[in-house]
Amino acid sequence: MTKHEIQKLGISIAEELIKLGRESGGITYITEDDLDHAVGELARCMTLLNLYEEREEYEKCAIMKIQIKRLKEQIGAEGGLDDEI
């Protein structure tokens, strides 16, 4: 097989896998919405904040609090969230 044929086969396999994934009705994690992405990032940061607090890594907690505040401001402007940290 030539390099071009292998690439063509790879693309065909990838397209078929994507098609099967969409047909299965499974959960998709791809988002094109900035708000959804920001909410996911907020959840990740809050999880890390809890982890760092348990480990008493307070410098990392401070960084996470800054990130959380920034994300809440972004989400609040778009999605109506006004909770405090």
PDB file of N, CA and C in Angstrom:
ATOM      1  N   MET A   1       0.832  -1.190   0.000  1.00  0.00           N
ATOM      2  CA  MET A   1       0.000   0.000   0.000  1.00  0.00           C
ATOM      3  C   MET A   1       0.872   1.248   0.000  1.00  0.00           C
ATOM      4  N   THR A   2       0.431   2.218  -0.756  1.00  0.00           N
ATOM      5  CA  THR A   2       1.169   3.472  -0.781  1.00  0.00           C
ATOM      6  C   THR A   2       0.734   4.345   0.398  1.00  0.00           C
ATOM      7  N   LYS A   3       1.502   5.371   0.639  1.00  0.00           N
ATOM      8  CA  LYS A   3       1.195   6.291   1.730  1.00  0.00           C
ATOM      9  C   LYS A   3      -0.176   6.944   1.516  1.00  0.00           C
ATOM     10  N   HIS A   4      -0.461   7.302   0.286  1.00  0.00           N
ATOM     11  CA  HIS A   4      -1.754   7.935  -0.044  1.00  0.00           C
ATOM     12  C   HIS A   4      -2.914   6.967   0.231  1.00  0.00           C
ATOM     13  N   GLU A   5      -2.746   5.713  -0.124  1.00  0.00           N
ATOM     14  CA  GLU A   5      -3.799   4.712   0.112  1.00  0.00           C
ATOM     15  C   GLU A   5      -4.023   4.492   1.611  1.00  0.00           C
ATOM     16  N   ILE A   6      -2.948   4.496   2.383  1.00  0.00           N
ATOM     17  CA  ILE A   6      -3.063   4.325   3.829  1.00  0.00           C
ATOM     18  C   ILE A   6      -3.803   5.515   4.440  1.00  0.00           C
ATOM     19  N   GLN A   7      -3.480   6.723   3.989  1.00  0.00           N
ATOM     20  CA  GLN A   7      -4.170   7.913   4.489  1.00  0.00           C
ATOM     21  C   GLN A   7      -5.653   7.862   4.135  1.00  0.00           C
ATOM     22  N   LYS A   8      -5.954   7.451   2.927  1.00  0.00           N
ATOM     23  CA  LYS A   8      -7.337   7.354   2.484  1.00  0.00           C
ATOM     24  C   LYS A   8      -8.096   6.327   3.326  1.00  0.00           C
ATOM     25  N   LEU A   9      -7.471   5.210   3.608  1.00  0.00           N
ATOM     26  CA  LEU A   9      -8.077   4.171   4.439  1.00  0.00           C
ATOM     27  C   LEU A   9      -8.303   4.686   5.858  1.00  0.00           C
ATOM     28  N   GLY A  10      -7.328   5.398   6.397  1.00  0.00           N
ATOM     29  CA  GLY A  10      -7.456   5.955   7.741  1.00  0.00           C
ATOM     30  C   GLY A  10      -8.604   6.940   7.842  1.00  0.00           C
ATOM     31  N   ILE A  11      -8.732   7.792   6.853  1.00  0.00           N
ATOM     32  CA  ILE A  11      -9.830   8.758   6.827  1.00  0.00           C
ATOM     33  C   ILE A  11     -11.165   8.036   6.744  1.00  0.00           C
ATOM     34  N   SER A  12     -11.240   7.021   5.917  1.00  0.00           N
ATOM     35  CA  SER A  12     -12.474   6.248   5.768  1.00  0.00           C
ATOM     36  C   SER A  12     -12.860   5.576   7.078  1.00  0.00           C
ATOM     37  N   ILE A  13     -11.892   4.998   7.773  1.00  0.00           N
ATOM     38  CA  ILE A  13     -12.150   4.345   9.060  1.00  0.00           C
ATOM     39  C   ILE A  13     -12.618   5.370  10.090  1.00  0.00           C
ATOM     40  N   ALA A  14     -11.945   6.505  10.151  1.00  0.00           N
ATOM     41  CA  ALA A  14     -12.317   7.550  11.105  1.00  0.00           C
ATOM     42  C   ALA A  14     -13.739   8.050  10.845  1.00  0.00           C
ATOM     43  N   GLU A  15     -14.078   8.277   9.588  1.00  0.00           N
ATOM     44  CA  GLU A  15     -15.422   8.738   9.254  1.00  0.00           C
ATOM     45  C   GLU A  15     -16.479   7.709   9.649  1.00  0.00           C
ATOM     46  N   GLU A  16     -16.185   6.439   9.430  1.00  0.00           N
ATOM     47  CA  GLU A  16     -17.120   5.381   9.793  1.00  0.00           C
ATOM     48  C   GLU A  16     -17.302   5.289  11.308  1.00  0.00           C
ATOM     49  N   LEU A  17     -16.220   5.439  12.061  1.00  0.00           N
ATOM     50  CA  LEU A  17     -16.315   5.417  13.523  1.00  0.00           C
ATOM     51  C   LEU A  17     -17.137   6.593  14.046  1.00  0.00           C
ATOM     52  N   ILE A  18     -16.943   7.756  13.461  1.00  0.00           N
ATOM     53  CA  ILE A  18     -17.729   8.929  13.861  1.00  0.00           C
ATOM     54  C   ILE A  18     -19.195   8.698  13.551  1.00  0.00           C
ATOM     55  N   LYS A  19     -19.472   8.152  12.379  1.00  0.00           N
ATOM     56  CA  LYS A  19     -20.856   7.856  11.983  1.00  0.00           C
ATOM     57  C   LYS A  19     -21.491   6.868  12.958  1.00  0.00           C
ATOM     58  N   LEU A  20     -20.791   5.806  13.301  1.00  0.00           N
ATOM     59  CA  LEU A  20     -21.315   4.819  14.249  1.00  0.00           C
ATOM     60  C   LEU A  20     -21.545   5.427  15.629  1.00  0.00           C
ATOM     61  N   GLY A  21     -20.643   6.287  16.055  1.00  0.00           N
ATOM     62  CA  GLY A  21     -20.785   6.947  17.348  1.00  0.00           C
ATOM     63  C   GLY A  21     -22.019   7.827  17.403  1.00  0.00           C
ATOM     64  N   ARG A  22     -22.283   8.535  16.338  1.00  0.00           N
ATOM     65  CA  ARG A  22     -23.464   9.402  16.281  1.00  0.00           C
ATOM     66  C   ARG A  22     -24.743   8.591  16.230  1.00  0.00           C
ATOM     67  N   GLU A  23     -24.728   7.481  15.521  1.00  0.00           N
ATOM     68  CA  GLU A  23     -25.917   6.643  15.400  1.00  0.00           C
ATOM     69  C   GLU A  23     -26.250   5.917  16.699  1.00  0.00           C
ATOM     70  N   SER A  24     -25.242   5.668  17.523  1.00  0.00           N
ATOM     71  CA  SER A  24     -25.477   4.919  18.759  1.00  0.00           C
ATOM     72  C   SER A  24     -26.247   5.733  19.785  1.00  0.00           C
ATOM     73  N   GLY A  25     -26.325   7.038  19.604  1.00  0.00           N
ATOM     74  CA  GLY A  25     -27.065   7.883  20.541  1.00  0.00           C
ATOM     75  C   GLY A  25     -26.323   8.090  21.843  1.00  0.00           C
ATOM     76  N   GLY A  26     -25.061   7.820  21.863  1.00  0.00           N
ATOM     77  CA  GLY A  26     -24.259   7.999  23.072  1.00  0.00           C
ATOM     78  C   GLY A  26     -24.074   9.462  23.412  1.00  0.00           C
ATOM     79  N   ILE A  27     -23.528   9.714  24.566  1.00  0.00           N
ATOM     80  CA  ILE A  27     -23.297  11.075  25.020  1.00  0.00           C
ATOM     81  C   ILE A  27     -22.131  11.657  24.228  1.00  0.00           C
ATOM     82  N   THR A  28     -22.292  12.867  23.782  1.00  0.00           N
ATOM     83  CA  THR A  28     -21.211  13.543  23.077  1.00  0.00           C
ATOM     84  C   THR A  28     -20.643  14.642  23.973  1.00  0.00           C
ATOM     85  N   TYR A  29     -19.363  14.789  23.946  1.00  0.00           N
ATOM     86  CA  TYR A  29     -18.692  15.772  24.790  1.00  0.00           C
ATOM     87  C   TYR A  29     -18.165  16.946  23.984  1.00  0.00           C
ATOM     88  N   ILE A  30     -18.543  17.026  22.742  1.00  0.00           N
ATOM     89  CA  ILE A  30     -18.087  18.122  21.901  1.00  0.00           C
ATOM     90  C   ILE A  30     -19.097  19.252  22.017  1.00  0.00           C
ATOM     91  N   THR A  31     -18.612  20.429  22.306  1.00  0.00           N
ATOM     92  CA  THR A  31     -19.503  21.576  22.416  1.00  0.00           C
ATOM     93  C   THR A  31     -18.954  22.730  21.589  1.00  0.00           C
ATOM     94  N   GLU A  32     -19.869  23.419  20.960  1.00  0.00           N
ATOM     95  CA  GLU A  32     -19.481  24.607  20.217  1.00  0.00           C
ATOM     96  C   GLU A  32     -19.947  25.857  20.940  1.00  0.00           C
ATOM     97  N   ASP A  33     -20.581  25.675  22.076  1.00  0.00           N
ATOM     98  CA  ASP A  33     -21.133  26.782  22.843  1.00  0.00           C
ATOM     99  C   ASP A  33     -20.120  27.211  23.909  1.00  0.00           C
ATOM    100  N   ASP A  34     -19.732  28.472  23.894  1.00  0.00           N
ATOM    101  CA  ASP A  34     -18.751  28.976  24.857  1.00  0.00           C
ATOM    102  C   ASP A  34     -19.260  28.876  26.289  1.00  0.00           C
ATOM    103  N   LEU A  35     -20.560  29.055  26.488  1.00  0.00           N
ATOM    104  CA  LEU A  35     -21.132  28.961  27.828  1.00  0.00           C
ATOM    105  C   LEU A  35     -20.983  27.553  28.379  1.00  0.00           C
ATOM    106  N   ASP A  36     -21.272  26.539  27.561  1.00  0.00           N
ATOM    107  CA  ASP A  36     -21.115  25.156  27.995  1.00  0.00           C
ATOM    108  C   ASP A  36     -19.665  24.859  28.359  1.00  0.00           C
ATOM    109  N   HIS A  37     -18.766  25.356  27.554  1.00  0.00           N
ATOM    110  CA  HIS A  37     -17.342  25.144  27.828  1.00  0.00           C
ATOM    111  C   HIS A  37     -16.943  25.820  29.145  1.00  0.00           C
ATOM    112  N   ALA A  38     -17.431  27.028  29.368  1.00  0.00           N
ATOM    113  CA  ALA A  38     -17.103  27.757  30.598  1.00  0.00           C
ATOM    114  C   ALA A  38     -17.667  27.047  31.826  1.00  0.00           C
ATOM    115  N   VAL A  39     -18.873  26.493  31.719  1.00  0.00           N
ATOM    116  CA  VAL A  39     -19.468  25.767  32.847  1.00  0.00           C
ATOM    117  C   VAL A  39     -18.654  24.510  33.147  1.00  0.00           C
ATOM    118  N   GLY A  40     -18.216  23.822  32.113  1.00  0.00           N
ATOM    119  CA  GLY A  40     -17.374  22.638  32.312  1.00  0.00           C
ATOM    120  C   GLY A  40     -16.048  22.993  32.965  1.00  0.00           C
ATOM    121  N   GLU A  41     -15.452  24.077  32.528  1.00  0.00           N
ATOM    122  CA  GLU A  41     -14.188  24.539  33.107  1.00  0.00           C
ATOM    123  C   GLU A  41     -14.387  24.967  34.555  1.00  0.00           C
ATOM    124  N   LEU A  42     -15.523  25.596  34.852  1.00  0.00           N
ATOM    125  CA  LEU A  42     -15.843  25.988  36.225  1.00  0.00           C
ATOM    126  C   LEU A  42     -15.946  24.758  37.117  1.00  0.00           C
ATOM    127  N   ALA A  43     -16.610  23.731  36.646  1.00  0.00           N
ATOM    128  CA  ALA A  43     -16.735  22.492  37.422  1.00  0.00           C
ATOM    129  C   ALA A  43     -15.363  21.879  37.691  1.00  0.00           C
ATOM    130  N   ARG A  44     -14.510  21.891  36.682  1.00  0.00           N
ATOM    131  CA  ARG A  44     -13.156  21.342  36.847  1.00  0.00           C
ATOM    132  C   ARG A  44     -12.375  22.138  37.890  1.00  0.00           C
ATOM    133  N   CYS A  45     -12.457  23.453  37.807  1.00  0.00           N
ATOM    134  CA  CYS A  45     -11.724  24.307  38.749  1.00  0.00           C
ATOM    135  C   CYS A  45     -12.243  24.133  40.179  1.00  0.00           C
ATOM    136  N   MET A  46     -13.541  23.989  40.327  1.00  0.00           N
ATOM    137  CA  MET A  46     -14.102  23.810  41.673  1.00  0.00           C
ATOM    138  C   MET A  46     -13.685  22.459  42.251  1.00  0.00           C
ATOM    139  N   THR A  47     -13.620  21.448  41.408  1.00  0.00           N
ATOM    140  CA  THR A  47     -13.153  20.139  41.859  1.00  0.00           C
ATOM    141  C   THR A  47     -11.703  20.221  42.312  1.00  0.00           C
ATOM    142  N   LEU A  48     -10.877  20.902  41.520  1.00  0.00           N
ATOM    143  CA  LEU A  48      -9.471  21.061  41.898  1.00  0.00           C
ATOM    144  C   LEU A  48      -9.333  21.874  43.179  1.00  0.00           C
ATOM    145  N   LEU A  49     -10.162  22.908  43.335  1.00  0.00           N
ATOM    146  CA  LEU A  49     -10.128  23.703  44.562  1.00  0.00           C
ATOM    147  C   LEU A  49     -10.382  22.821  45.780  1.00  0.00           C
ATOM    148  N   ASN A  50     -11.393  21.973  45.711  1.00  0.00           N
ATOM    149  CA  ASN A  50     -11.690  21.059  46.828  1.00  0.00           C
ATOM    150  C   ASN A  50     -10.526  20.109  47.096  1.00  0.00           C
ATOM    151  N   LEU A  51      -9.935  19.605  46.034  1.00  0.00           N
ATOM    152  CA  LEU A  51      -8.802  18.695  46.179  1.00  0.00           C
ATOM    153  C   LEU A  51      -7.618  19.399  46.847  1.00  0.00           C
ATOM    154  N   TYR A  52      -7.308  20.614  46.394  1.00  0.00           N
ATOM    155  CA  TYR A  52      -6.182  21.359  46.954  1.00  0.00           C
ATOM    156  C   TYR A  52      -6.444  21.763  48.414  1.00  0.00           C
ATOM    157  N   GLU A  53      -7.706  22.066  48.741  1.00  0.00           N
ATOM    158  CA  GLU A  53      -8.018  22.389  50.135  1.00  0.00           C
ATOM    159  C   GLU A  53      -7.796  21.184  51.035  1.00  0.00           C
ATOM    160  N   GLU A  54      -8.194  20.003  50.572  1.00  0.00           N
ATOM    161  CA  GLU A  54      -7.984  18.782  51.351  1.00  0.00           C
ATOM    162  C   GLU A  54      -6.496  18.495  51.558  1.00  0.00           C
ATOM    163  N   ARG A  55      -5.694  18.814  50.554  1.00  0.00           N
ATOM    164  CA  ARG A  55      -4.247  18.582  50.632  1.00  0.00           C
ATOM    165  C   ARG A  55      -3.512  19.737  51.305  1.00  0.00           C
ATOM    166  N   GLU A  56      -4.246  20.782  51.667  1.00  0.00           N
ATOM    167  CA  GLU A  56      -3.680  21.984  52.283  1.00  0.00           C
ATOM    168  C   GLU A  56      -2.636  22.648  51.383  1.00  0.00           C
ATOM    169  N   GLU A  57      -2.903  22.668  50.093  1.00  0.00           N
ATOM    170  CA  GLU A  57      -2.055  23.337  49.109  1.00  0.00           C
ATOM    171  C   GLU A  57      -2.690  24.693  48.805  1.00  0.00           C
ATOM    172  N   TYR A  58      -2.474  25.640  49.706  1.00  0.00           N
ATOM    173  CA  TYR A  58      -3.211  26.897  49.682  1.00  0.00           C
ATOM    174  C   TYR A  58      -2.806  27.829  48.549  1.00  0.00           C
ATOM    175  N   GLU A  59      -1.579  27.731  48.058  1.00  0.00           N
ATOM    176  CA  GLU A  59      -1.181  28.561  46.927  1.00  0.00           C
ATOM    177  C   GLU A  59      -1.983  28.172  45.689  1.00  0.00           C
ATOM    178  N   LYS A  60      -2.161  26.868  45.494  1.00  0.00           N
ATOM    179  CA  LYS A  60      -2.944  26.389  44.366  1.00  0.00           C
ATOM    180  C   LYS A  60      -4.415  26.755  44.544  1.00  0.00           C
ATOM    181  N   CYS A  61      -4.888  26.759  45.796  1.00  0.00           N
ATOM    182  CA  CYS A  61      -6.270  27.183  46.078  1.00  0.00           C
ATOM    183  C   CYS A  61      -6.485  28.619  45.625  1.00  0.00           C
ATOM    184  N   ALA A  62      -5.530  29.465  45.893  1.00  0.00           N
ATOM    185  CA  ALA A  62      -5.654  30.870  45.517  1.00  0.00           C
ATOM    186  C   ALA A  62      -5.768  31.013  43.995  1.00  0.00           C
ATOM    187  N   ILE A  63      -4.972  30.239  43.276  1.00  0.00           N
ATOM    188  CA  ILE A  63      -5.024  30.278  41.813  1.00  0.00           C
ATOM    189  C   ILE A  63      -6.393  29.814  41.321  1.00  0.00           C
ATOM    190  N   MET A  64      -6.897  28.724  41.913  1.00  0.00           N
ATOM    191  CA  MET A  64      -8.208  28.210  41.512  1.00  0.00           C
ATOM    192  C   MET A  64      -9.314  29.202  41.829  1.00  0.00           C
ATOM    193  N   LYS A  65      -9.217  29.906  42.948  1.00  0.00           N
ATOM    194  CA  LYS A  65     -10.243  30.894  43.296  1.00  0.00           C
ATOM    195  C   LYS A  65     -10.280  32.030  42.278  1.00  0.00           C
ATOM    196  N   ILE A  66      -9.105  32.425  41.806  1.00  0.00           N
ATOM    197  CA  ILE A  66      -9.050  33.472  40.776  1.00  0.00           C
ATOM    198  C   ILE A  66      -9.715  32.970  39.490  1.00  0.00           C
ATOM    199  N   GLN A  67      -9.385  31.735  39.102  1.00  0.00           N
ATOM    200  CA  GLN A  67      -9.988  31.155  37.902  1.00  0.00           C
ATOM    201  C   GLN A  67     -11.501  31.032  38.054  1.00  0.00           C
ATOM    202  N   ILE A  68     -11.943  30.566  39.219  1.00  0.00           N
ATOM    203  CA  ILE A  68     -13.373  30.396  39.479  1.00  0.00           C
ATOM    204  C   ILE A  68     -14.091  31.738  39.400  1.00  0.00           C
ATOM    205  N   LYS A  69     -13.499  32.762  39.989  1.00  0.00           N
ATOM    206  CA  LYS A  69     -14.112  34.091  39.951  1.00  0.00           C
ATOM    207  C   LYS A  69     -14.242  34.579  38.516  1.00  0.00           C
ATOM    208  N   ARG A  70     -13.194  34.406  37.723  1.00  0.00           N
ATOM    209  CA  ARG A  70     -13.217  34.831  36.324  1.00  0.00           C
ATOM    210  C   ARG A  70     -14.294  34.075  35.542  1.00  0.00           C
ATOM    211  N   LEU A  71     -14.371  32.768  35.760  1.00  0.00           N
ATOM    212  CA  LEU A  71     -15.363  31.966  35.044  1.00  0.00           C
ATOM    213  C   LEU A  71     -16.787  32.306  35.473  1.00  0.00           C
ATOM    214  N   LYS A  72     -16.984  32.539  36.771  1.00  0.00           N
ATOM    215  CA  LYS A  72     -18.321  32.908  37.249  1.00  0.00           C
ATOM    216  C   LYS A  72     -18.760  34.247  36.666  1.00  0.00           C
ATOM    217  N   GLU A  73     -17.825  35.177  36.539  1.00  0.00           N
ATOM    218  CA  GLU A  73     -18.154  36.463  35.916  1.00  0.00           C
ATOM    219  C   GLU A  73     -18.548  36.257  34.461  1.00  0.00           C
ATOM    220  N   GLN A  74     -17.804  35.398  33.760  1.00  0.00           N
ATOM    221  CA  GLN A  74     -18.100  35.116  32.365  1.00  0.00           C
ATOM    222  C   GLN A  74     -19.460  34.432  32.229  1.00  0.00           C
ATOM    223  N   ILE A  75     -19.712  33.440  33.053  1.00  0.00           N
ATOM    224  CA  ILE A  75     -20.975  32.710  33.003  1.00  0.00           C
ATOM    225  C   ILE A  75     -22.124  33.589  33.472  1.00  0.00           C
ATOM    226  N   GLY A  76     -21.876  34.384  34.505  1.00  0.00           N
ATOM    227  CA  GLY A  76     -22.916  35.262  35.026  1.00  0.00           C
ATOM    228  C   GLY A  76     -23.401  36.243  33.986  1.00  0.00           C
ATOM    229  N   ALA A  77     -22.479  36.737  33.183  1.00  0.00           N
ATOM    230  CA  ALA A  77     -22.843  37.678  32.125  1.00  0.00           C
ATOM    231  C   ALA A  77     -23.671  36.987  31.053  1.00  0.00           C
ATOM    232  N   GLU A  78     -23.416  35.687  30.834  1.00  0.00           N
ATOM    233  CA  GLU A  78     -24.102  34.956  29.766  1.00  0.00           C
ATOM    234  C   GLU A  78     -25.270  34.121  30.283  1.00  0.00           C
ATOM    235  N   GLY A  79     -25.132  33.587  31.523  1.00  0.00           N
ATOM    236  CA  GLY A  79     -26.121  32.614  31.963  1.00  0.00           C
ATOM    237  C   GLY A  79     -26.851  32.957  33.246  1.00  0.00           C
ATOM    238  N   GLY A  80     -26.635  34.118  33.805  1.00  0.00           N
ATOM    239  CA  GLY A  80     -27.379  34.537  34.982  1.00  0.00           C
ATOM    240  C   GLY A  80     -26.901  33.922  36.281  1.00  0.00           C
ATOM    241  N   LEU A  81     -25.636  33.602  36.410  1.00  0.00           N
ATOM    242  CA  LEU A  81     -25.093  33.023  37.647  1.00  0.00           C
ATOM    243  C   LEU A  81     -24.502  34.116  38.496  1.00  0.00           C
ATOM    244  N   ASP A  82     -24.956  34.255  39.764  1.00  0.00           N
ATOM    245  CA  ASP A  82     -24.349  35.248  40.656  1.00  0.00           C
ATOM    246  C   ASP A  82     -23.985  34.681  42.015  1.00  0.00           C
ATOM    247  N   ASP A  83     -23.573  33.442  42.114  1.00  0.00           N
ATOM    248  CA  ASP A  83     -23.153  32.853  43.388  1.00  0.00           C
ATOM    249  C   ASP A  83     -21.779  33.377  43.777  1.00  0.00           C
ATOM    250  N   GLU A  84     -21.533  33.402  45.072  1.00  0.00           N
ATOM    251  CA  GLU A  84     -20.214  33.781  45.594  1.00  0.00           C
ATOM    252  C   GLU A  84     -19.340  32.536  45.684  1.00  0.00           C
ATOM    253  N   ILE A  85     -18.026  32.741  45.742  1.00  0.00           N
ATOM    254  CA  ILE A  85     -17.103  31.610  45.893  1.00  0.00           C
ATOM    255  C   ILE A  85     -17.251  31.038  47.271  1.00  0.00           C
TER     256      ILE A  85
END
